[in-house]
N, C-alpha and C. Protein backbone atom coordinates (compact mmCIF):
# COMPACT_ATOMS: atom_id res chain seq x y z
N MET A 1 5.99 0.07 -20.70
CA MET A 1 5.12 -1.08 -20.42
C MET A 1 4.13 -0.71 -19.32
N ARG A 2 2.85 -0.87 -19.57
CA ARG A 2 1.83 -0.51 -18.61
C ARG A 2 1.26 -1.77 -17.97
N HIS A 3 1.15 -1.73 -16.65
CA HIS A 3 0.66 -2.88 -15.90
C HIS A 3 -0.71 -2.56 -15.32
N PHE A 4 -1.70 -3.38 -15.63
CA PHE A 4 -3.03 -3.22 -15.07
C PHE A 4 -3.70 -4.57 -15.19
N SER A 5 -3.65 -5.35 -14.15
CA SER A 5 -4.04 -6.75 -14.26
C SER A 5 -4.96 -7.18 -13.14
N VAL A 6 -5.67 -8.26 -13.37
CA VAL A 6 -6.49 -8.86 -12.33
C VAL A 6 -5.58 -9.52 -11.33
N SER A 7 -5.77 -9.24 -10.06
CA SER A 7 -4.92 -9.80 -9.02
C SER A 7 -5.50 -11.11 -8.52
N THR A 8 -4.65 -12.10 -8.37
CA THR A 8 -5.09 -13.37 -7.80
C THR A 8 -4.80 -13.45 -6.33
N THR A 9 -4.11 -12.47 -5.76
CA THR A 9 -3.79 -12.49 -4.34
C THR A 9 -3.83 -11.10 -3.76
N PRO A 10 -4.63 -10.85 -2.69
CA PRO A 10 -4.60 -9.58 -2.01
C PRO A 10 -3.43 -9.56 -1.05
N ASN A 11 -3.25 -8.46 -0.30
CA ASN A 11 -2.16 -8.42 0.64
C ASN A 11 -2.63 -7.83 1.95
N PHE A 12 -2.28 -8.49 3.04
CA PHE A 12 -2.65 -8.03 4.36
C PHE A 12 -1.46 -8.15 5.28
N CYS A 13 -1.52 -7.45 6.40
CA CYS A 13 -0.46 -7.50 7.37
C CYS A 13 -0.69 -8.68 8.32
N LEU A 14 0.15 -8.81 9.34
CA LEU A 14 -0.01 -9.89 10.29
C LEU A 14 -1.36 -9.76 10.99
N LEU A 15 -2.13 -10.84 11.05
CA LEU A 15 -3.50 -10.79 11.53
C LEU A 15 -3.73 -11.82 12.62
N ASP A 16 -4.64 -11.49 13.55
CA ASP A 16 -5.07 -12.49 14.51
C ASP A 16 -6.07 -13.43 13.82
N ARG A 17 -6.56 -14.43 14.56
CA ARG A 17 -7.39 -15.45 13.90
C ARG A 17 -8.66 -14.86 13.32
N GLU A 18 -9.33 -13.96 14.05
CA GLU A 18 -10.57 -13.37 13.56
C GLU A 18 -10.32 -12.54 12.31
N SER A 19 -9.27 -11.74 12.34
CA SER A 19 -8.96 -10.91 11.19
C SER A 19 -8.51 -11.74 10.00
N LEU A 20 -7.85 -12.87 10.27
CA LEU A 20 -7.44 -13.75 9.19
C LEU A 20 -8.64 -14.29 8.44
N ARG A 21 -9.70 -14.67 9.18
CA ARG A 21 -10.92 -15.12 8.52
C ARG A 21 -11.50 -13.99 7.67
N GLY A 22 -11.43 -12.77 8.20
CA GLY A 22 -11.91 -11.63 7.42
C GLY A 22 -11.07 -11.38 6.18
N ALA A 23 -9.76 -11.63 6.30
CA ALA A 23 -8.88 -11.47 5.14
C ALA A 23 -9.24 -12.43 4.03
N VAL A 24 -9.53 -13.67 4.41
CA VAL A 24 -9.93 -14.67 3.42
C VAL A 24 -11.22 -14.24 2.74
N GLU A 25 -12.16 -13.74 3.54
CA GLU A 25 -13.44 -13.27 2.99
C GLU A 25 -13.23 -12.11 2.03
N ALA A 26 -12.38 -11.15 2.44
CA ALA A 26 -12.10 -10.00 1.58
C ALA A 26 -11.43 -10.44 0.29
N TYR A 27 -10.50 -11.36 0.41
CA TYR A 27 -9.81 -11.90 -0.77
C TYR A 27 -10.79 -12.47 -1.78
N ARG A 28 -11.76 -13.23 -1.28
CA ARG A 28 -12.72 -13.87 -2.17
C ARG A 28 -13.73 -12.90 -2.75
N ASN A 29 -14.10 -11.87 -1.96
CA ASN A 29 -15.22 -11.03 -2.34
C ASN A 29 -14.83 -9.69 -2.98
N TYR A 30 -13.66 -9.15 -2.65
CA TYR A 30 -13.39 -7.77 -3.01
C TYR A 30 -12.20 -7.56 -3.93
N VAL A 31 -11.14 -8.37 -3.81
CA VAL A 31 -9.93 -8.08 -4.57
C VAL A 31 -10.11 -8.48 -6.02
N THR A 32 -10.02 -7.54 -6.92
CA THR A 32 -10.26 -7.81 -8.34
C THR A 32 -9.15 -7.31 -9.26
N GLU A 33 -8.30 -6.40 -8.78
CA GLU A 33 -7.33 -5.81 -9.69
C GLU A 33 -6.09 -5.34 -8.94
N GLN A 34 -5.06 -5.04 -9.70
CA GLN A 34 -3.86 -4.41 -9.17
C GLN A 34 -3.86 -2.94 -9.54
N GLN A 35 -3.23 -2.15 -8.71
CA GLN A 35 -3.05 -0.74 -9.01
C GLN A 35 -2.23 -0.61 -10.30
N PRO A 36 -2.69 0.18 -11.27
CA PRO A 36 -1.96 0.29 -12.54
C PRO A 36 -0.70 1.13 -12.40
N TYR A 37 0.29 0.83 -13.22
CA TYR A 37 1.50 1.63 -13.29
C TYR A 37 2.20 1.38 -14.62
N GLU A 38 3.10 2.29 -14.96
CA GLU A 38 3.91 2.16 -16.18
C GLU A 38 5.37 2.03 -15.79
N VAL A 39 6.06 1.04 -16.32
CA VAL A 39 7.49 0.89 -16.06
C VAL A 39 8.26 1.87 -16.95
N VAL A 40 9.01 2.76 -16.33
CA VAL A 40 9.83 3.74 -17.06
C VAL A 40 11.15 3.10 -17.47
N ARG A 41 11.79 2.45 -16.51
CA ARG A 41 13.02 1.71 -16.82
C ARG A 41 13.36 0.79 -15.64
N GLN A 42 14.23 -0.14 -15.92
CA GLN A 42 14.71 -1.04 -14.88
C GLN A 42 16.21 -0.86 -14.72
N GLY A 43 16.66 -0.88 -13.48
CA GLY A 43 18.07 -0.74 -13.18
C GLY A 43 18.51 -1.76 -12.16
N ARG A 44 19.76 -1.73 -11.81
CA ARG A 44 20.28 -2.67 -10.84
C ARG A 44 19.74 -2.32 -9.45
N GLY A 45 18.93 -3.21 -8.91
CA GLY A 45 18.40 -3.03 -7.57
C GLY A 45 17.13 -2.22 -7.48
N TYR A 46 16.56 -1.81 -8.62
CA TYR A 46 15.33 -1.03 -8.56
C TYR A 46 14.61 -1.06 -9.90
N GLU A 47 13.34 -0.69 -9.87
CA GLU A 47 12.53 -0.45 -11.06
C GLU A 47 11.90 0.92 -10.91
N LEU A 48 11.93 1.71 -11.95
CA LEU A 48 11.33 3.04 -11.92
C LEU A 48 9.96 2.97 -12.57
N ARG A 49 8.93 3.38 -11.82
CA ARG A 49 7.55 3.30 -12.30
C ARG A 49 6.87 4.66 -12.23
N ARG A 50 5.90 4.84 -13.11
CA ARG A 50 5.05 6.02 -13.08
C ARG A 50 3.63 5.59 -12.70
N TYR A 51 3.15 6.11 -11.59
CA TYR A 51 1.82 5.78 -11.09
C TYR A 51 0.86 6.94 -11.35
N PRO A 52 -0.34 6.66 -11.84
CA PRO A 52 -1.35 7.72 -11.95
C PRO A 52 -1.91 8.04 -10.56
N SER A 53 -2.63 9.12 -10.46
CA SER A 53 -3.28 9.44 -9.19
C SER A 53 -4.30 8.34 -8.85
N CYS A 54 -4.56 8.19 -7.58
CA CYS A 54 -5.52 7.18 -7.15
C CYS A 54 -6.20 7.65 -5.87
N VAL A 55 -7.23 6.92 -5.48
CA VAL A 55 -7.95 7.22 -4.24
C VAL A 55 -7.73 6.06 -3.28
N VAL A 56 -7.43 6.39 -2.04
CA VAL A 56 -7.19 5.36 -1.03
C VAL A 56 -8.12 5.58 0.16
N ALA A 57 -8.40 4.48 0.85
CA ALA A 57 -9.03 4.53 2.17
C ALA A 57 -7.96 4.11 3.16
N GLU A 58 -7.72 4.89 4.20
CA GLU A 58 -6.62 4.61 5.10
C GLU A 58 -7.01 4.81 6.55
N VAL A 59 -6.27 4.11 7.41
CA VAL A 59 -6.46 4.19 8.86
C VAL A 59 -5.10 4.38 9.50
N ALA A 60 -4.97 5.35 10.41
CA ALA A 60 -3.74 5.55 11.17
C ALA A 60 -3.91 4.90 12.54
N VAL A 61 -2.91 4.13 12.94
CA VAL A 61 -2.96 3.44 14.23
C VAL A 61 -1.67 3.67 15.00
N ASP A 62 -1.79 3.77 16.31
CA ASP A 62 -0.62 3.90 17.18
C ASP A 62 -0.20 2.49 17.58
N ALA A 63 0.71 1.92 16.80
CA ALA A 63 1.12 0.53 17.02
C ALA A 63 2.48 0.31 16.39
N ASP A 64 3.13 -0.79 16.76
CA ASP A 64 4.42 -1.08 16.14
C ASP A 64 4.19 -1.63 14.73
N PHE A 65 5.26 -1.78 14.01
CA PHE A 65 5.21 -2.15 12.60
C PHE A 65 4.44 -3.45 12.37
N ASP A 66 4.72 -4.47 13.18
CA ASP A 66 4.15 -5.79 12.94
C ASP A 66 2.68 -5.91 13.30
N GLN A 67 2.18 -5.04 14.18
CA GLN A 67 0.80 -5.14 14.64
C GLN A 67 -0.15 -4.16 13.97
N ALA A 68 0.38 -3.15 13.31
CA ALA A 68 -0.46 -2.08 12.76
C ALA A 68 -1.50 -2.60 11.77
N GLY A 69 -1.10 -3.50 10.91
CA GLY A 69 -2.01 -4.00 9.88
C GLY A 69 -3.19 -4.74 10.47
N SER A 70 -2.94 -5.52 11.53
CA SER A 70 -4.01 -6.27 12.16
C SER A 70 -5.05 -5.35 12.76
N ILE A 71 -4.58 -4.24 13.35
CA ILE A 71 -5.50 -3.29 13.98
C ILE A 71 -6.30 -2.52 12.92
N ALA A 72 -5.65 -2.12 11.84
CA ALA A 72 -6.30 -1.29 10.82
C ALA A 72 -7.18 -2.09 9.88
N PHE A 73 -6.95 -3.39 9.79
CA PHE A 73 -7.63 -4.19 8.77
C PHE A 73 -9.15 -4.16 8.89
N ARG A 74 -9.67 -4.38 10.11
CA ARG A 74 -11.12 -4.51 10.28
C ARG A 74 -11.89 -3.27 9.83
N PRO A 75 -11.54 -2.05 10.29
CA PRO A 75 -12.31 -0.88 9.81
C PRO A 75 -12.19 -0.66 8.31
N LEU A 76 -11.05 -1.02 7.70
CA LEU A 76 -10.89 -0.83 6.27
C LEU A 76 -11.73 -1.82 5.48
N VAL A 77 -11.72 -3.09 5.88
CA VAL A 77 -12.50 -4.07 5.13
C VAL A 77 -13.99 -3.85 5.36
N ASN A 78 -14.37 -3.33 6.53
CA ASN A 78 -15.77 -2.98 6.76
C ASN A 78 -16.20 -1.83 5.84
N TYR A 79 -15.30 -0.87 5.64
CA TYR A 79 -15.63 0.25 4.74
C TYR A 79 -15.89 -0.24 3.33
N ILE A 80 -14.99 -1.04 2.76
CA ILE A 80 -15.21 -1.50 1.39
C ILE A 80 -16.33 -2.54 1.33
N GLY A 81 -16.69 -3.10 2.48
CA GLY A 81 -17.78 -4.07 2.51
C GLY A 81 -19.16 -3.45 2.65
N GLY A 82 -19.23 -2.11 2.82
CA GLY A 82 -20.53 -1.46 2.87
C GLY A 82 -20.77 -0.57 4.06
N ASN A 83 -19.81 -0.45 4.98
CA ASN A 83 -19.98 0.44 6.12
C ASN A 83 -19.60 1.86 5.70
N ASN A 84 -20.46 2.43 4.86
CA ASN A 84 -20.22 3.76 4.31
C ASN A 84 -21.56 4.42 4.00
N SER A 85 -21.52 5.68 3.63
CA SER A 85 -22.74 6.45 3.43
C SER A 85 -23.64 5.90 2.34
N ALA A 86 -23.06 5.26 1.34
CA ALA A 86 -23.83 4.71 0.23
C ALA A 86 -24.28 3.28 0.48
N ARG A 87 -23.81 2.69 1.57
CA ARG A 87 -24.11 1.29 1.89
C ARG A 87 -23.81 0.38 0.70
N THR A 88 -22.70 0.65 0.07
CA THR A 88 -22.31 -0.13 -1.11
C THR A 88 -20.93 -0.71 -0.90
N SER A 89 -20.68 -1.85 -1.51
CA SER A 89 -19.36 -2.47 -1.41
C SER A 89 -18.48 -2.00 -2.55
N LEU A 90 -17.19 -1.96 -2.27
CA LEU A 90 -16.20 -1.54 -3.24
C LEU A 90 -15.20 -2.66 -3.46
N ASP A 91 -14.73 -2.80 -4.69
CA ASP A 91 -13.65 -3.75 -4.94
C ASP A 91 -12.38 -3.25 -4.27
N MET A 92 -11.50 -4.18 -3.97
CA MET A 92 -10.23 -3.85 -3.33
C MET A 92 -9.11 -4.08 -4.32
N THR A 93 -8.18 -3.16 -4.37
CA THR A 93 -7.06 -3.22 -5.30
C THR A 93 -5.76 -3.49 -4.55
N ALA A 94 -4.98 -4.44 -5.05
CA ALA A 94 -3.66 -4.69 -4.47
C ALA A 94 -2.67 -3.65 -5.05
N PRO A 95 -1.69 -3.22 -4.22
CA PRO A 95 -1.32 -3.73 -2.92
C PRO A 95 -1.96 -2.96 -1.77
N VAL A 96 -1.80 -3.52 -0.55
CA VAL A 96 -2.05 -2.78 0.68
C VAL A 96 -0.71 -2.16 1.08
N VAL A 97 -0.74 -0.89 1.46
CA VAL A 97 0.50 -0.15 1.68
C VAL A 97 0.59 0.34 3.11
N GLN A 98 1.78 0.26 3.67
CA GLN A 98 2.01 0.66 5.06
C GLN A 98 3.25 1.52 5.17
N SER A 99 3.17 2.58 5.99
CA SER A 99 4.37 3.33 6.37
C SER A 99 4.06 4.17 7.58
N ARG A 100 5.07 4.82 8.11
CA ARG A 100 4.86 5.67 9.28
C ARG A 100 4.24 6.99 8.87
N LYS A 101 3.44 7.54 9.77
CA LYS A 101 2.69 8.76 9.46
C LYS A 101 3.59 9.98 9.57
N MET A 102 3.52 10.83 8.55
CA MET A 102 4.28 12.08 8.56
C MET A 102 3.48 13.18 9.22
N SER A 103 4.19 14.15 9.77
CA SER A 103 3.54 15.29 10.41
C SER A 103 3.15 16.36 9.40
N MET A 104 3.53 16.18 8.12
CA MET A 104 3.19 17.14 7.08
C MET A 104 2.61 16.38 5.89
N THR A 105 1.80 17.07 5.11
CA THR A 105 1.20 16.44 3.94
C THR A 105 2.27 16.17 2.89
N ALA A 106 2.19 14.98 2.27
CA ALA A 106 3.16 14.63 1.24
C ALA A 106 2.45 13.87 0.14
N PRO A 107 2.95 13.94 -1.09
CA PRO A 107 2.29 13.25 -2.21
C PRO A 107 2.62 11.76 -2.24
N VAL A 108 2.11 11.04 -1.24
CA VAL A 108 2.40 9.61 -1.16
C VAL A 108 1.14 8.87 -0.76
N VAL A 109 1.17 7.53 -0.92
CA VAL A 109 0.03 6.71 -0.51
C VAL A 109 -0.04 6.65 1.00
N GLN A 110 1.06 6.94 1.70
CA GLN A 110 1.11 7.03 3.14
C GLN A 110 2.20 7.97 3.58
N HIS A 111 2.39 8.05 4.89
CA HIS A 111 3.39 9.01 5.40
C HIS A 111 4.24 8.46 6.53
N ALA A 112 5.09 9.35 7.15
CA ALA A 112 5.91 8.94 8.30
C ALA A 112 6.22 10.13 9.20
N GLY A 113 6.29 9.95 10.54
CA GLY A 113 6.58 11.03 11.46
C GLY A 113 6.79 10.52 12.85
N ASP A 114 5.71 10.28 13.60
CA ASP A 114 5.83 9.68 14.92
C ASP A 114 6.21 8.21 14.75
N ASP A 115 7.14 7.74 15.58
CA ASP A 115 7.71 6.41 15.38
C ASP A 115 6.68 5.30 15.38
N ARG A 116 5.64 5.41 16.22
CA ARG A 116 4.70 4.30 16.34
C ARG A 116 3.44 4.48 15.51
N VAL A 117 3.20 5.63 14.94
CA VAL A 117 1.96 5.85 14.20
C VAL A 117 2.15 5.35 12.77
N GLN A 118 1.41 4.29 12.44
CA GLN A 118 1.47 3.68 11.12
C GLN A 118 0.16 3.96 10.37
N VAL A 119 0.26 4.14 9.07
CA VAL A 119 -0.92 4.33 8.23
C VAL A 119 -1.02 3.16 7.28
N ILE A 120 -2.18 2.50 7.30
CA ILE A 120 -2.45 1.37 6.41
C ILE A 120 -3.51 1.82 5.41
N ALA A 121 -3.25 1.60 4.11
CA ALA A 121 -4.17 2.07 3.07
C ALA A 121 -4.60 0.94 2.16
N PHE A 122 -5.89 0.93 1.84
CA PHE A 122 -6.44 0.13 0.75
C PHE A 122 -6.57 1.05 -0.46
N VAL A 123 -6.01 0.65 -1.59
CA VAL A 123 -6.17 1.41 -2.83
C VAL A 123 -7.52 1.05 -3.43
N LEU A 124 -8.34 2.06 -3.74
CA LEU A 124 -9.65 1.83 -4.33
C LEU A 124 -9.53 1.64 -5.84
N PRO A 125 -10.53 1.05 -6.47
CA PRO A 125 -10.46 0.79 -7.91
C PRO A 125 -10.18 2.06 -8.72
N ALA A 126 -9.57 1.88 -9.87
CA ALA A 126 -9.14 3.01 -10.70
C ALA A 126 -10.30 3.89 -11.16
N ASP A 127 -11.51 3.33 -11.22
CA ASP A 127 -12.65 4.13 -11.69
C ASP A 127 -13.35 4.88 -10.57
N VAL A 128 -12.82 4.82 -9.36
CA VAL A 128 -13.40 5.55 -8.22
C VAL A 128 -12.67 6.87 -8.05
N ALA A 129 -13.39 7.98 -8.19
CA ALA A 129 -12.84 9.31 -7.97
C ALA A 129 -13.12 9.75 -6.54
N LEU A 130 -12.35 10.71 -6.07
CA LEU A 130 -12.56 11.19 -4.70
C LEU A 130 -13.99 11.69 -4.50
N GLU A 131 -14.54 12.36 -5.52
CA GLU A 131 -15.89 12.92 -5.41
C GLU A 131 -16.96 11.83 -5.35
N SER A 132 -16.68 10.67 -5.93
CA SER A 132 -17.69 9.61 -5.99
C SER A 132 -17.50 8.55 -4.92
N ALA A 133 -16.38 8.57 -4.21
CA ALA A 133 -16.14 7.58 -3.17
C ALA A 133 -17.10 7.80 -2.01
N PRO A 134 -17.75 6.75 -1.52
CA PRO A 134 -18.67 6.92 -0.40
C PRO A 134 -17.95 7.35 0.88
N THR A 135 -18.63 8.13 1.70
CA THR A 135 -18.06 8.61 2.95
C THR A 135 -18.06 7.49 3.98
N PRO A 136 -16.94 7.26 4.66
CA PRO A 136 -16.91 6.21 5.69
C PRO A 136 -17.84 6.54 6.86
N ASN A 137 -18.48 5.53 7.39
CA ASN A 137 -19.25 5.69 8.62
C ASN A 137 -18.34 5.66 9.85
N ASP A 138 -17.23 4.99 9.74
CA ASP A 138 -16.26 4.87 10.83
C ASP A 138 -15.30 6.06 10.74
N PRO A 139 -15.23 6.92 11.77
CA PRO A 139 -14.38 8.11 11.70
C PRO A 139 -12.89 7.78 11.62
N ARG A 140 -12.51 6.55 11.91
CA ARG A 140 -11.09 6.17 11.81
C ARG A 140 -10.64 6.06 10.35
N VAL A 141 -11.58 5.85 9.45
CA VAL A 141 -11.25 5.66 8.03
C VAL A 141 -11.26 7.01 7.31
N VAL A 142 -10.19 7.31 6.64
CA VAL A 142 -10.06 8.56 5.87
C VAL A 142 -9.90 8.20 4.40
N VAL A 143 -10.68 8.86 3.55
CA VAL A 143 -10.58 8.67 2.10
C VAL A 143 -9.91 9.91 1.51
N ARG A 144 -8.87 9.70 0.73
CA ARG A 144 -8.17 10.85 0.14
C ARG A 144 -7.60 10.46 -1.22
N GLU A 145 -7.26 11.48 -1.98
CA GLU A 145 -6.64 11.27 -3.28
C GLU A 145 -5.13 11.36 -3.15
N VAL A 146 -4.44 10.43 -3.79
CA VAL A 146 -2.98 10.42 -3.83
C VAL A 146 -2.54 10.90 -5.21
N PRO A 147 -1.74 11.95 -5.29
CA PRO A 147 -1.31 12.46 -6.61
C PRO A 147 -0.47 11.45 -7.39
N ALA A 148 -0.37 11.66 -8.68
CA ALA A 148 0.50 10.83 -9.52
C ALA A 148 1.94 10.95 -9.03
N SER A 149 2.72 9.90 -9.27
CA SER A 149 4.08 9.91 -8.76
C SER A 149 5.02 9.13 -9.67
N LEU A 150 6.29 9.49 -9.59
CA LEU A 150 7.38 8.72 -10.16
C LEU A 150 8.02 7.99 -8.99
N THR A 151 8.06 6.67 -9.04
CA THR A 151 8.38 5.88 -7.86
C THR A 151 9.45 4.83 -8.16
N ALA A 152 10.47 4.81 -7.31
CA ALA A 152 11.48 3.75 -7.37
C ALA A 152 11.00 2.59 -6.51
N VAL A 153 11.12 1.37 -7.03
CA VAL A 153 10.55 0.19 -6.39
C VAL A 153 11.59 -0.92 -6.31
N SER A 154 11.63 -1.56 -5.16
CA SER A 154 12.44 -2.77 -4.97
C SER A 154 11.50 -3.91 -4.62
N ARG A 155 11.57 -4.99 -5.37
CA ARG A 155 10.68 -6.14 -5.17
C ARG A 155 11.45 -7.29 -4.52
N PHE A 156 10.80 -7.96 -3.55
CA PHE A 156 11.45 -9.07 -2.87
C PHE A 156 10.39 -10.01 -2.30
N SER A 157 10.80 -11.21 -1.98
CA SER A 157 9.92 -12.17 -1.33
C SER A 157 10.37 -12.33 0.11
N GLY A 158 9.57 -13.03 0.90
CA GLY A 158 9.98 -13.28 2.28
C GLY A 158 8.94 -12.87 3.29
N ARG A 159 9.32 -12.96 4.54
CA ARG A 159 8.41 -12.66 5.65
C ARG A 159 8.18 -11.16 5.77
N TRP A 160 7.10 -10.81 6.49
CA TRP A 160 6.72 -9.41 6.64
C TRP A 160 7.30 -8.80 7.91
N SER A 161 8.55 -9.05 8.19
CA SER A 161 9.16 -8.52 9.40
C SER A 161 9.68 -7.11 9.16
N GLU A 162 9.74 -6.33 10.22
CA GLU A 162 10.27 -4.98 10.10
C GLU A 162 11.75 -5.00 9.72
N ALA A 163 12.48 -5.98 10.24
CA ALA A 163 13.90 -6.07 9.93
C ALA A 163 14.13 -6.28 8.43
N SER A 164 13.34 -7.17 7.82
CA SER A 164 13.47 -7.41 6.38
C SER A 164 13.10 -6.16 5.60
N TYR A 165 12.02 -5.51 6.00
CA TYR A 165 11.59 -4.28 5.33
C TYR A 165 12.68 -3.22 5.38
N LEU A 166 13.26 -2.99 6.56
CA LEU A 166 14.28 -1.95 6.70
C LEU A 166 15.53 -2.28 5.91
N GLN A 167 15.87 -3.55 5.81
CA GLN A 167 17.02 -3.95 5.00
C GLN A 167 16.81 -3.56 3.54
N HIS A 168 15.60 -3.82 3.02
CA HIS A 168 15.32 -3.51 1.62
C HIS A 168 15.15 -2.01 1.40
N VAL A 169 14.71 -1.29 2.42
CA VAL A 169 14.67 0.17 2.34
C VAL A 169 16.09 0.71 2.14
N GLN A 170 17.02 0.21 2.94
CA GLN A 170 18.41 0.65 2.84
C GLN A 170 18.98 0.35 1.46
N GLU A 171 18.70 -0.83 0.94
CA GLU A 171 19.20 -1.21 -0.38
C GLU A 171 18.60 -0.34 -1.48
N LEU A 172 17.30 -0.02 -1.36
CA LEU A 172 16.67 0.82 -2.38
C LEU A 172 17.21 2.24 -2.32
N ARG A 173 17.42 2.76 -1.13
CA ARG A 173 17.99 4.10 -1.01
C ARG A 173 19.38 4.16 -1.64
N ALA A 174 20.16 3.10 -1.48
CA ALA A 174 21.48 3.06 -2.09
C ALA A 174 21.38 3.05 -3.61
N ALA A 175 20.42 2.29 -4.15
CA ALA A 175 20.23 2.24 -5.59
C ALA A 175 19.77 3.58 -6.13
N ILE A 176 18.90 4.26 -5.39
CA ILE A 176 18.42 5.59 -5.80
C ILE A 176 19.59 6.56 -5.89
N ALA A 177 20.43 6.56 -4.87
CA ALA A 177 21.58 7.47 -4.87
C ALA A 177 22.56 7.14 -5.99
N ALA A 178 22.79 5.86 -6.23
CA ALA A 178 23.75 5.44 -7.24
C ALA A 178 23.29 5.78 -8.65
N ASN A 179 21.98 5.96 -8.83
CA ASN A 179 21.44 6.22 -10.16
C ASN A 179 21.01 7.67 -10.35
N GLY A 180 21.44 8.54 -9.45
CA GLY A 180 21.21 9.96 -9.63
C GLY A 180 19.78 10.43 -9.43
N LEU A 181 18.99 9.63 -8.71
CA LEU A 181 17.60 10.01 -8.42
C LEU A 181 17.55 10.74 -7.08
N THR A 182 16.53 11.60 -6.92
CA THR A 182 16.36 12.34 -5.68
C THR A 182 15.09 11.86 -4.98
N PRO A 183 15.18 11.29 -3.78
CA PRO A 183 13.97 10.84 -3.08
C PRO A 183 13.11 12.01 -2.65
N THR A 184 11.78 11.87 -2.78
CA THR A 184 10.85 12.93 -2.40
C THR A 184 9.80 12.46 -1.41
N SER A 185 9.94 11.23 -0.90
CA SER A 185 8.97 10.72 0.07
C SER A 185 9.66 9.76 1.01
N GLU A 186 8.99 9.46 2.10
CA GLU A 186 9.43 8.39 2.98
C GLU A 186 9.10 7.05 2.31
N PRO A 187 9.78 5.97 2.70
CA PRO A 187 9.48 4.66 2.10
C PRO A 187 8.13 4.12 2.51
N ARG A 188 7.58 3.25 1.66
CA ARG A 188 6.30 2.59 1.91
C ARG A 188 6.48 1.09 1.67
N PHE A 189 5.79 0.31 2.45
CA PHE A 189 5.85 -1.15 2.34
C PHE A 189 4.57 -1.63 1.67
N ALA A 190 4.70 -2.27 0.50
CA ALA A 190 3.54 -2.74 -0.26
C ALA A 190 3.50 -4.26 -0.23
N ARG A 191 2.37 -4.81 0.19
CA ARG A 191 2.18 -6.26 0.26
C ARG A 191 1.12 -6.67 -0.75
N PHE A 192 1.41 -7.70 -1.52
CA PHE A 192 0.52 -8.14 -2.59
C PHE A 192 -0.17 -9.47 -2.31
N ASP A 193 0.10 -10.10 -1.20
CA ASP A 193 -0.38 -11.47 -0.98
C ASP A 193 -1.09 -11.63 0.36
N PRO A 194 -1.95 -12.64 0.44
CA PRO A 194 -2.65 -12.92 1.69
C PRO A 194 -1.71 -13.56 2.71
N PRO A 195 -2.03 -13.48 4.00
CA PRO A 195 -1.13 -14.01 5.03
C PRO A 195 -0.99 -15.51 4.99
N PHE A 196 -1.90 -16.21 4.31
CA PHE A 196 -1.82 -17.66 4.26
C PHE A 196 -0.97 -18.16 3.08
N LYS A 197 -0.42 -17.25 2.28
CA LYS A 197 0.48 -17.67 1.20
C LYS A 197 1.86 -17.94 1.78
N PRO A 198 2.54 -19.03 1.37
CA PRO A 198 3.88 -19.31 1.89
C PRO A 198 4.81 -18.10 1.75
N TRP A 199 5.59 -17.82 2.79
CA TRP A 199 6.39 -16.60 2.82
C TRP A 199 7.36 -16.51 1.66
N PHE A 200 7.88 -17.65 1.20
CA PHE A 200 8.88 -17.63 0.14
C PHE A 200 8.27 -17.37 -1.24
N LEU A 201 6.93 -17.35 -1.35
CA LEU A 201 6.26 -17.06 -2.61
C LEU A 201 5.62 -15.67 -2.62
N ARG A 202 5.71 -14.96 -1.52
CA ARG A 202 5.04 -13.66 -1.42
C ARG A 202 5.73 -12.59 -2.26
N ARG A 203 4.91 -11.70 -2.78
CA ARG A 203 5.43 -10.52 -3.47
C ARG A 203 5.35 -9.33 -2.52
N ASN A 204 6.51 -8.80 -2.17
CA ASN A 204 6.61 -7.62 -1.32
C ASN A 204 7.39 -6.55 -2.09
N GLU A 205 7.11 -5.29 -1.79
CA GLU A 205 7.84 -4.20 -2.44
C GLU A 205 8.08 -3.05 -1.47
N VAL A 206 9.17 -2.34 -1.69
CA VAL A 206 9.42 -1.05 -1.04
C VAL A 206 9.27 0.02 -2.11
N HIS A 207 8.53 1.08 -1.80
CA HIS A 207 8.30 2.19 -2.73
C HIS A 207 8.87 3.48 -2.14
N ILE A 208 9.58 4.25 -2.94
CA ILE A 208 10.03 5.59 -2.58
C ILE A 208 9.81 6.49 -3.79
N ASP A 209 9.07 7.57 -3.61
CA ASP A 209 8.85 8.51 -4.71
C ASP A 209 10.14 9.29 -4.97
N VAL A 210 10.40 9.61 -6.23
CA VAL A 210 11.66 10.24 -6.61
C VAL A 210 11.46 11.30 -7.68
N GLU A 211 12.49 12.10 -7.87
CA GLU A 211 12.61 12.96 -9.04
C GLU A 211 13.77 12.45 -9.87
N ASP A 212 13.60 12.47 -11.18
CA ASP A 212 14.63 11.98 -12.10
C ASP A 212 15.14 13.19 -12.89
N HIS A 213 16.39 13.56 -12.67
CA HIS A 213 16.96 14.72 -13.35
C HIS A 213 17.77 14.33 -14.58
N GLY A 214 17.70 13.03 -14.92
CA GLY A 214 18.48 12.56 -16.05
C GLY A 214 17.86 12.89 -17.39
């Protein structure tokens, strides 16, 4: 089953009042689609998906989990809004993904390494290639290609707290081990909804890339 749909809700991290207004503006003006994927199979506590390669715009910030998105949001939304070499706006694709930055390159939408360094990424539309993506004017914004991946996913609703995220990371890791999969990346937190959506209706996911030897 292949998923590629128009998104009715973007996803952002915890935002201050100014950034929240910007989130609403971005939601109305830029978010048009979801990142495509194919469901390989569903199991107890996880879904196995195959993602094609994609291009992301990302910002690394030295901040704790709950504040990183608010800090990274403005330069990212400015980039897709036209603060780039082509002076053109880009559509925004859900989800927005967050994880800790790794000290080594890995085939993921984000990374992990230093405890406080978080990377927040906007996924660019599927028809944007790395060669055609406009260069950011803001040096904090990095555009890169993320390779295709086989990814184990756990979906849940609720608040965007670090405690909730880590609980679901632990549960997904247990499901991966129980089903004979081998993790190949650090976990990533994917948010699909705007901050003004009621917490109990939000779509949140944990992603971990895996190898399937079955």
